[in-house]
């Protein structure tokens, strides 16, 4: 990381706290983020307003360390998907925990990562935006240490990329990997090996592109199960071997073979051990991103660690705290956290604990369930006799990290006793 980029990260700590950042104590206005962190305020007793999203300091560190260990154990390079958090502070911690680089999805995200000094970026998309390609050409020229790899999945896309890069006066070719689609009706990617070969031929004819490998996303395999996912991964490995046999990777120092979301990285680890010796060393690149916070819903059920518990377990690190603002009937309550605050695209928030307004005591949220979300309200059902009253705080687990991070610009990182030790800035 250059001095300029390190300084850019330090600037986040010098940002002034004000009305832009929901959940923070109003009396913190005017303090820098660093000054606020130094005060080590308590999330529950020092003026934080609800709703407020918190990241567990201990669980965050556990998850970072676990995936570092997992990737090392299985001989995988790791480029976690940064679109999950879009938090440069977390990008830095992921790199410190052994990540090869950061995966991203769109040009804006690449610009954020570059602004904060990320030297290796894998773009899991075909990039055909001429303005973005012009900017990329400039970045590659200005920084010889910058490594950028992206998908290609169509001849037309290759033509657009090559034309834009040549028009921009690109001095370094853009490294690309042919994306193999996960099947009919899946998302992006060339659907057949013949189509992949046609895309590779187009890259060979392009001046401003260089073919460096193959990639795809096994999470899009239709009716995915272990057998179907592994079958598709073996197609990806066979494609890499066929391309190598045909001399498509001649002259490379390294061949990239990449896959891996957050639901099937165990299958990726298994099948990537089957990659044969190729004409150059293989960078086996895993791209799982949701692990950084994990969750209490979708990924709690989908994580591969459920299938391989001997390898460890990720811990859900998010908790959304909301306050009961209405208790119109014994069976119904409303909180002040809604769709603007909580992920709801896969599962509703899960009521976990109640912190009593009268005593500060925390108990399990027995008999309490979130049944719906309005823009700014949570609909809560309570069983008869449930002790829940206006003013109580309801702590909820969330499902799907990618749509949890994006609702919060500055997220408190909280130790188990409620002490806030850090604030994570996001850029969506």
Protein backbone atom coordinates (compact mmCIF):
# COMPACT_ATOMS: atom_id res chain seq x y z
CA UNK A 1 0.00 0.00 0.00
CA UNK A 2 1.41 3.39 -0.99
CA UNK A 3 1.70 6.29 1.45
CA UNK A 4 -1.08 8.02 -0.49
CA UNK A 5 -3.45 5.10 -0.04
CA UNK A 6 -2.56 4.68 3.64
CA UNK A 7 -3.33 8.35 4.10
CA UNK A 8 -6.66 7.86 2.36
CA UNK A 9 -7.61 5.23 4.93
CA UNK A 10 -6.50 7.56 7.71
CA UNK A 11 -8.81 10.22 6.30
CA UNK A 12 -11.76 7.99 7.19
CA UNK A 13 -10.79 8.35 10.84
CA UNK A 14 -10.70 12.14 10.45
CA UNK A 15 -14.19 12.36 8.97
CA UNK A 16 -16.55 14.41 11.13
CA UNK A 17 -19.60 12.74 12.60
CA UNK A 18 -22.88 14.50 11.88
CA UNK A 19 -26.49 14.00 10.78
CA UNK A 20 -25.49 11.80 7.83
CA UNK A 21 -24.80 8.79 10.02
CA UNK A 22 -27.87 7.22 11.56
CA UNK A 23 -27.80 5.58 14.95
CA UNK A 24 -24.87 7.56 16.33
CA UNK A 25 -25.20 9.68 19.49
CA UNK A 26 -26.40 13.22 18.64
CA UNK A 27 -23.87 14.60 21.13
CA UNK A 28 -21.10 13.10 18.97
CA UNK A 29 -21.72 15.69 16.23
CA UNK A 30 -18.49 17.44 15.33
CA UNK A 31 -16.18 14.74 16.64
CA UNK A 32 -13.98 12.86 14.21
CA UNK A 33 -14.59 9.16 13.83
CA UNK A 34 -11.26 8.53 15.59
CA UNK A 35 -12.21 10.77 18.50
CA UNK A 36 -15.54 9.00 18.82
CA UNK A 37 -13.85 5.58 18.81
CA UNK A 38 -11.37 6.72 21.47
CA UNK A 39 -14.28 7.47 23.82
CA UNK A 40 -15.20 3.76 23.81
CA UNK A 41 -18.87 4.53 24.28
CA UNK A 42 -21.34 1.86 25.26
CA UNK A 43 -23.88 1.03 22.58
CA UNK A 44 -26.73 0.80 25.09
CA UNK A 45 -26.05 3.50 27.68
CA UNK A 46 -24.12 6.27 25.94
CA UNK A 47 -26.65 7.89 23.65
CA UNK A 48 -26.81 5.76 20.51
CA UNK A 49 -30.22 6.12 18.90
CA UNK A 50 -32.32 3.36 17.43
CA UNK A 51 -32.33 1.74 15.03
CA UNK A 52 -28.61 1.01 15.06
CA UNK A 53 -26.69 -1.77 13.33
CA UNK A 54 -23.72 -3.26 15.17
CA UNK A 55 -20.90 -5.57 14.09
CA UNK A 56 -19.44 -7.89 16.70
CA UNK A 57 -15.71 -7.23 17.07
CA UNK A 58 -14.98 -10.75 18.25
CA UNK A 59 -17.05 -12.50 15.59
CA UNK A 60 -15.67 -10.35 12.80
CA UNK A 61 -12.11 -11.27 13.74
CA UNK A 62 -13.06 -14.94 14.08
CA UNK A 63 -14.55 -15.04 10.58
CA UNK A 64 -11.56 -13.30 9.01
CA UNK A 65 -9.15 -15.74 10.64
CA UNK A 66 -11.22 -18.83 9.84
CA UNK A 67 -11.40 -18.20 6.09
CA UNK A 68 -7.69 -17.36 6.00
CA UNK A 69 -6.99 -20.74 7.60
CA UNK A 70 -9.45 -22.53 5.29
CA UNK A 71 -7.95 -21.10 2.10
CA UNK A 72 -4.41 -21.89 3.22
CA UNK A 73 -5.31 -25.44 4.24
CA UNK A 74 -6.81 -26.13 0.81
CA UNK A 75 -4.15 -24.43 -1.27
CA UNK A 76 -6.47 -21.70 -2.50
CA UNK A 77 -5.75 -18.07 -3.21
CA UNK A 78 -8.54 -15.90 -1.84
CA UNK A 79 -10.13 -12.81 -3.37
CA UNK A 80 -13.22 -12.21 -1.21
CA UNK A 81 -16.09 -10.43 -2.92
CA UNK A 82 -15.94 -6.83 -1.77
CA UNK A 83 -19.45 -5.97 -2.95
CA UNK A 84 -20.65 -7.57 0.29
CA UNK A 85 -19.34 -4.80 2.53
CA UNK A 86 -17.90 -2.08 0.26
CA UNK A 87 -15.85 -1.14 3.32
CA UNK A 88 -12.19 -0.30 2.62
CA UNK A 89 -11.30 -0.90 6.27
CA UNK A 90 -12.56 -4.46 5.91
CA UNK A 91 -10.79 -4.84 2.56
CA UNK A 92 -7.56 -3.96 4.36
CA UNK A 93 -8.22 -6.49 7.12
CA UNK A 94 -9.01 -9.16 4.54
CA UNK A 95 -5.70 -8.46 2.80
CA UNK A 96 -3.93 -8.57 6.17
CA UNK A 97 -5.55 -11.98 6.69
CA UNK A 98 -3.91 -13.33 3.56
CA UNK A 99 -6.29 -12.39 0.75
CA UNK A 100 -4.69 -12.29 -2.71
CA UNK A 101 -6.89 -9.33 -3.62
CA UNK A 102 -10.53 -8.25 -3.70
CA UNK A 103 -13.31 -9.33 -6.07
CA UNK A 104 -15.77 -6.66 -7.23
CA UNK A 105 -18.76 -6.42 -9.55
CA UNK A 106 -19.02 -2.98 -11.21
CA UNK A 107 -16.70 -0.07 -12.14
CA UNK A 108 -17.73 2.13 -9.21
CA UNK A 109 -16.64 -0.56 -6.79
CA UNK A 110 -13.29 -0.88 -8.57
CA UNK A 111 -12.75 2.87 -8.23
CA UNK A 112 -13.45 2.69 -4.49
CA UNK A 113 -10.99 -0.16 -4.04
CA UNK A 114 -8.30 1.61 -6.05
CA UNK A 115 -8.77 4.82 -4.10
CA UNK A 116 -7.88 2.87 -0.98
CA UNK A 117 -4.90 1.07 -2.41
CA UNK A 118 -6.13 -2.38 -3.43
CA UNK A 119 -3.44 -3.70 -5.78
CA UNK A 120 -5.18 -6.81 -7.09
CA UNK A 121 -8.77 -6.78 -8.29
CA UNK A 122 -10.87 -9.51 -9.88
CA UNK A 123 -13.97 -8.10 -11.60
CA UNK A 124 -16.61 -10.83 -11.75
CA UNK A 125 -18.31 -9.28 -14.76
CA UNK A 126 -17.61 -8.47 -18.37
CA UNK A 127 -16.60 -4.80 -18.53
CA UNK A 128 -17.91 -3.09 -21.68
CA UNK A 129 -18.41 0.49 -20.44
CA UNK A 130 -16.12 2.67 -22.59
CA UNK A 131 -15.74 5.36 -19.93
CA UNK A 132 -14.80 2.79 -17.30
CA UNK A 133 -12.36 1.09 -19.67
CA UNK A 134 -10.71 4.45 -20.41
CA UNK A 135 -10.26 5.01 -16.68
CA UNK A 136 -8.94 1.47 -16.26
CA UNK A 137 -6.39 1.95 -19.02
CA UNK A 138 -5.11 5.00 -17.18
CA UNK A 139 -4.86 3.12 -13.88
CA UNK A 140 -2.90 0.28 -15.48
CA UNK A 141 -0.52 2.73 -17.12
CA UNK A 142 0.00 4.79 -13.98
CA UNK A 143 0.60 1.86 -11.64
CA UNK A 144 2.69 -1.06 -12.97
CA UNK A 145 1.97 -3.03 -9.78
CA UNK A 146 -1.82 -2.94 -10.31
CA UNK A 147 -3.19 -6.38 -11.31
CA UNK A 148 -6.67 -6.44 -12.81
CA UNK A 149 -8.57 -9.47 -14.14
CA UNK A 150 -12.14 -9.56 -15.44
CA UNK A 151 -14.63 -11.86 -17.14
CA UNK A 152 -15.35 -12.08 -20.85
CA UNK A 153 -18.30 -14.16 -22.03
CA UNK A 154 -19.11 -12.95 -25.56
CA UNK A 155 -17.38 -12.10 -28.81
CA UNK A 156 -19.25 -8.79 -28.90
CA UNK A 157 -18.01 -7.97 -25.41
CA UNK A 158 -14.42 -8.67 -26.42
CA UNK A 159 -14.81 -6.41 -29.46
CA UNK A 160 -16.21 -3.56 -27.36
CA UNK A 161 -13.47 -3.90 -24.76
CA UNK A 162 -10.68 -4.00 -27.32
CA UNK A 163 -12.01 -0.99 -29.21
CA UNK A 164 -12.43 1.13 -26.08
CA UNK A 165 -9.01 0.24 -24.70
CA UNK A 166 -7.26 0.94 -28.00
CA UNK A 167 -9.07 4.27 -28.27
CA UNK A 168 -7.88 5.09 -24.76
CA UNK A 169 -4.27 4.42 -25.75
CA UNK A 170 -3.91 1.48 -23.34
CA UNK A 171 -0.25 0.63 -22.76
CA UNK A 172 -0.90 -2.66 -20.92
CA UNK A 173 -3.34 -5.36 -22.00
CA UNK A 174 -6.25 -6.11 -19.71
CA UNK A 175 -6.14 -9.64 -18.36
CA UNK A 176 -9.37 -11.58 -18.95
CA UNK A 177 -10.79 -14.98 -18.07
CA UNK A 178 -13.48 -16.68 -20.13
CA UNK A 179 -16.59 -17.16 -18.03
CA UNK A 180 -18.28 -20.53 -18.33
CA UNK A 181 -21.99 -20.21 -17.63
CA UNK A 182 -23.48 -22.43 -14.94
CA UNK A 183 -26.21 -23.81 -17.19
CA UNK A 184 -29.31 -22.96 -19.16
CA UNK A 185 -31.34 -20.29 -17.42
CA UNK A 186 -28.41 -19.36 -15.17
CA UNK A 187 -26.89 -15.91 -15.03
CA UNK A 188 -23.94 -14.73 -17.18
CA UNK A 189 -21.31 -16.79 -18.95
CA UNK A 190 -20.90 -18.57 -22.27
CA UNK A 191 -23.18 -21.59 -22.20
CA UNK A 192 -21.09 -24.16 -24.04
CA UNK A 193 -17.44 -25.04 -24.39
CA UNK A 194 -17.66 -24.21 -28.10
CA UNK A 195 -18.90 -20.72 -27.26
CA UNK A 196 -16.08 -20.37 -24.71
CA UNK A 197 -13.58 -21.28 -27.44
CA UNK A 198 -15.07 -18.65 -29.77
CA UNK A 199 -14.67 -16.02 -27.06
CA UNK A 200 -11.08 -17.14 -26.48
CA UNK A 201 -10.43 -16.86 -30.23
CA UNK A 202 -11.74 -13.30 -30.15
CA UNK A 203 -9.42 -12.46 -27.27
CA UNK A 204 -6.48 -13.87 -29.22
CA UNK A 205 -7.32 -11.50 -32.05
CA UNK A 206 -7.66 -8.50 -29.73
CA UNK A 207 -4.74 -6.11 -29.28
CA UNK A 208 -5.63 -4.80 -25.84
CA UNK A 209 -6.67 -8.03 -24.08
CA UNK A 210 -4.78 -11.05 -22.77
CA UNK A 211 -6.38 -14.41 -21.94
CA UNK A 212 -5.14 -15.63 -18.54
CA UNK A 213 -7.64 -18.29 -17.51
CA UNK A 214 -11.21 -19.41 -16.98
CA UNK A 215 -13.78 -18.71 -14.29
CA UNK A 216 -17.42 -18.89 -13.30
CA UNK A 217 -19.88 -18.94 -10.43
CA UNK A 218 -21.12 -22.31 -9.24
CA UNK A 219 -23.84 -20.72 -7.12
CA UNK A 220 -25.91 -20.30 -10.30
CA UNK A 221 -25.96 -24.01 -11.16
CA UNK A 222 -29.66 -24.86 -11.70
CA UNK A 223 -31.14 -27.00 -8.91
CA UNK A 224 -27.76 -26.89 -7.23
CA UNK A 225 -26.68 -29.78 -5.07
CA UNK A 226 -23.28 -31.26 -4.35
CA UNK A 227 -23.31 -33.55 -7.39
CA UNK A 228 -24.47 -30.91 -9.89
CA UNK A 229 -22.10 -28.26 -8.55
CA UNK A 230 -19.11 -30.59 -8.69
CA UNK A 231 -20.05 -31.67 -12.21
CA UNK A 232 -20.04 -28.06 -13.35
CA UNK A 233 -16.76 -27.35 -11.57
CA UNK A 234 -15.22 -30.31 -13.39
CA UNK A 235 -16.37 -28.77 -16.68
CA UNK A 236 -14.55 -25.58 -15.67
CA UNK A 237 -11.37 -27.50 -14.85
CA UNK A 238 -11.61 -29.43 -18.13
CA UNK A 239 -12.05 -26.16 -20.01
CA UNK A 240 -8.83 -24.82 -18.47
CA UNK A 241 -7.00 -28.00 -19.43
CA UNK A 242 -8.34 -27.89 -23.00
CA UNK A 243 -7.37 -24.25 -23.42
CA UNK A 244 -3.89 -25.03 -22.11
CA UNK A 245 -3.51 -28.02 -24.45
CA UNK A 246 -4.51 -25.79 -27.36
CA UNK A 247 -1.75 -23.34 -26.46
CA UNK A 248 -4.09 -20.54 -25.47
CA UNK A 249 -2.07 -19.78 -22.31
CA UNK A 250 1.34 -19.84 -23.98
CA UNK A 251 3.80 -17.41 -22.42
CA UNK A 252 1.91 -16.91 -19.17
CA UNK A 253 3.64 -17.03 -15.79
CA UNK A 254 0.34 -18.01 -14.14
CA UNK A 255 -3.02 -19.44 -15.21
CA UNK A 256 -6.14 -18.31 -13.32
CA UNK A 257 -8.92 -20.79 -12.51
CA UNK A 258 -11.56 -19.12 -10.36
CA UNK A 259 -14.92 -19.92 -8.77
CA UNK A 260 -16.46 -19.84 -5.35
CA UNK A 261 -19.36 -18.09 -3.72
CA UNK A 262 -20.33 -18.50 -0.08
CA UNK A 263 -22.52 -21.60 -0.43
CA UNK A 264 -20.27 -24.13 -2.21
CA UNK A 265 -16.65 -23.27 -1.47
CA UNK A 266 -16.15 -26.80 -0.10
CA UNK A 267 -16.99 -28.19 -3.53
CA UNK A 268 -14.57 -25.70 -5.11
CA UNK A 269 -11.83 -26.80 -2.73
CA UNK A 270 -12.50 -30.46 -3.56
CA UNK A 271 -12.61 -30.16 -7.33
CA UNK A 272 -9.74 -27.71 -7.61
CA UNK A 273 -7.46 -30.40 -6.17
CA UNK A 274 -8.15 -32.22 -9.45
CA UNK A 275 -6.68 -29.47 -11.64
CA UNK A 276 -3.92 -31.21 -13.62
CA UNK A 277 -0.46 -29.82 -14.20
CA UNK A 278 -0.76 -27.12 -16.85
CA UNK A 279 1.79 -25.16 -18.84
CA UNK A 280 2.19 -22.66 -15.98
CA UNK A 281 1.40 -22.63 -12.25
CA UNK A 282 -2.33 -22.32 -11.52
CA UNK A 283 -3.80 -19.59 -9.34
CA UNK A 284 -6.78 -21.36 -7.75
CA UNK A 285 -8.81 -18.33 -6.85
CA UNK A 286 -11.74 -18.52 -4.42
CA UNK A 287 -14.10 -15.51 -4.25
CA UNK A 288 -16.48 -16.04 -1.29
CA UNK A 289 -17.49 -12.75 0.34
CA UNK A 290 -20.41 -13.16 2.74
CA UNK A 291 -18.21 -14.83 5.34
CA UNK A 292 -16.94 -11.50 6.69
CA UNK A 293 -20.12 -10.93 8.68
CA UNK A 294 -21.90 -14.22 7.93
CA UNK A 295 -25.59 -14.05 8.91
CA UNK A 296 -28.47 -15.50 10.92
CA UNK A 297 -30.53 -16.64 7.94
CA UNK A 298 -29.60 -17.61 4.40
CA UNK A 299 -25.90 -18.30 4.91
CA UNK A 300 -26.41 -19.86 8.32
CA UNK A 301 -28.29 -22.59 6.46
CA UNK A 302 -26.17 -22.60 3.29
CA UNK A 303 -22.63 -22.39 4.63
CA UNK A 304 -20.38 -25.28 3.62
CA UNK A 305 -19.18 -25.48 7.21
CA UNK A 306 -22.47 -27.23 7.96
CA UNK A 307 -21.20 -30.05 5.73
CA UNK A 308 -17.63 -29.99 7.05
CA UNK A 309 -18.00 -29.02 10.74
CA UNK A 310 -14.54 -30.33 11.50
CA UNK A 311 -13.19 -27.34 9.52
CA UNK A 312 -14.76 -24.79 11.88
CA UNK A 313 -17.82 -22.56 11.89
CA UNK A 314 -18.53 -18.99 10.88
CA UNK A 315 -20.26 -16.78 13.44
CA UNK A 316 -23.01 -14.27 12.57
CA UNK A 317 -21.54 -10.86 13.37
CA UNK A 318 -24.47 -8.51 12.71
CA UNK A 319 -27.13 -7.47 15.19
CA UNK A 320 -29.71 -4.81 14.43
CA UNK A 321 -31.09 -3.06 17.49
CA UNK A 322 -34.50 -1.41 17.27
CA UNK A 323 -36.82 0.02 19.88
CA UNK A 324 -40.42 -0.92 20.59
CA UNK A 325 -42.39 2.24 19.79
CA UNK A 326 -45.94 0.88 19.88
CA UNK A 327 -47.72 -1.97 21.67
CA UNK A 328 -51.31 -1.63 20.47
CA UNK A 329 -52.49 -5.13 21.49
CA UNK A 330 -51.18 -8.01 23.62
CA UNK A 331 -50.36 -9.88 20.40
CA UNK A 332 -48.75 -7.06 18.43
CA UNK A 333 -45.89 -4.59 18.72
CA UNK A 334 -44.03 -2.29 16.37
CA UNK A 335 -40.35 -1.35 16.30
CA UNK A 336 -38.71 1.61 14.61
CA UNK A 337 -36.58 -0.45 12.19
CA UNK A 338 -37.93 -1.21 8.74
CA UNK A 339 -36.86 -1.80 5.15
CA UNK A 340 -34.52 1.20 5.24
CA UNK A 341 -32.54 -0.46 8.02
CA UNK A 342 -32.73 -4.25 7.64
CA UNK A 343 -32.12 -6.77 4.87
CA UNK A 344 -35.40 -8.34 3.78
CA UNK A 345 -34.77 -9.64 0.26
CA UNK A 346 -34.28 -13.25 1.41
CA UNK A 347 -35.52 -13.53 5.01
CA UNK A 348 -37.03 -11.19 7.56
CA UNK A 349 -34.95 -10.23 10.62
CA UNK A 350 -34.90 -12.78 13.41
CA UNK A 351 -35.86 -11.59 16.91
CA UNK A 352 -33.09 -12.83 19.22
CA UNK A 353 -32.86 -10.83 22.44
CA UNK A 354 -34.75 -8.15 24.34
CA UNK A 355 -33.01 -5.48 26.41
CA UNK A 356 -35.49 -4.19 28.98
CA UNK A 357 -35.80 -0.41 29.10
CA UNK A 358 -36.55 -0.42 32.82
CA UNK A 359 -33.61 -2.51 34.02
CA UNK A 360 -31.16 -2.96 31.17
CA UNK A 361 -31.41 -6.73 31.61
CA UNK A 362 -31.02 -8.78 28.44
CA UNK A 363 -33.05 -11.95 27.85
CA UNK A 364 -33.87 -14.23 24.94
CA UNK A 365 -36.72 -12.98 22.75
CA UNK A 366 -38.96 -15.93 23.58
CA UNK A 367 -42.44 -15.54 22.11
CA UNK A 368 -41.36 -12.65 19.85
CA UNK A 369 -41.26 -12.84 16.03
CA UNK A 370 -40.80 -10.28 13.26
CA UNK A 371 -43.60 -10.84 10.74
CA UNK A 372 -43.13 -7.95 8.33
CA UNK A 373 -41.40 -4.68 7.54
CA UNK A 374 -42.74 -1.33 6.42
CA UNK A 375 -40.35 1.40 5.31
CA UNK A 376 -39.68 2.53 8.88
CA UNK A 377 -41.48 0.00 11.07
CA UNK A 378 -41.01 -3.60 12.04
CA UNK A 379 -44.16 -5.67 12.56
CA UNK A 380 -43.77 -7.89 15.60
CA UNK A 381 -46.02 -10.71 16.79
CA UNK A 382 -45.95 -11.66 20.45
CA UNK A 383 -47.35 -14.74 22.11
CA UNK A 384 -49.80 -14.30 24.98
CA UNK A 385 -48.10 -13.24 28.18
CA UNK A 386 -44.90 -12.09 26.46
CA UNK A 387 -43.19 -9.38 28.48
CA UNK A 388 -42.43 -6.75 25.86
CA UNK A 389 -43.18 -3.07 26.38
CA UNK A 390 -42.70 0.28 24.71
CA UNK A 391 -39.11 1.44 25.13
CA UNK A 392 -37.54 -2.02 25.16
CA UNK A 393 -34.74 -2.69 22.67
CA UNK A 394 -35.13 -5.69 20.35
CA UNK A 395 -31.90 -7.24 19.05
CA UNK A 396 -32.32 -8.97 15.70
CA UNK A 397 -30.21 -11.21 13.51
CA UNK A 398 -30.18 -10.48 9.79
CA UNK A 399 -30.15 -12.57 6.64
CA UNK A 400 -27.99 -11.75 3.58
CA UNK A 401 -24.97 -9.56 4.41
CA UNK A 402 -24.91 -7.91 0.98
CA UNK A 403 -28.21 -6.12 1.62
CA UNK A 404 -27.41 -5.38 5.26
CA UNK A 405 -24.17 -3.44 4.82
CA UNK A 406 -25.61 -1.25 2.08
CA UNK A 407 -28.16 0.44 4.36
CA UNK A 408 -25.54 1.83 6.75
CA UNK A 409 -22.75 4.31 6.02
CA UNK A 410 -20.98 4.09 9.40
CA UNK A 411 -21.32 0.89 11.42
CA UNK A 412 -20.22 0.57 15.07
CA UNK A 413 -17.96 -2.39 15.83
CA UNK A 414 -18.96 -3.56 19.30
CA UNK A 415 -17.27 -5.77 21.86
CA UNK A 416 -19.29 -8.33 23.79
CA UNK A 417 -19.88 -5.96 26.71
CA UNK A 418 -21.30 -3.25 24.41
CA UNK A 419 -18.15 -1.15 24.10
CA UNK A 420 -17.82 0.42 20.65
CA UNK A 421 -14.19 0.18 19.55
CA UNK A 422 -14.32 1.11 15.87
CA UNK A 423 -16.59 2.44 13.13
CA UNK A 424 -16.65 0.89 9.65
CA UNK A 425 -17.34 3.23 6.71
CA UNK A 426 -19.10 1.86 3.65
CA UNK A 427 -19.23 3.21 0.08
CA UNK A 428 -22.26 2.02 -1.91
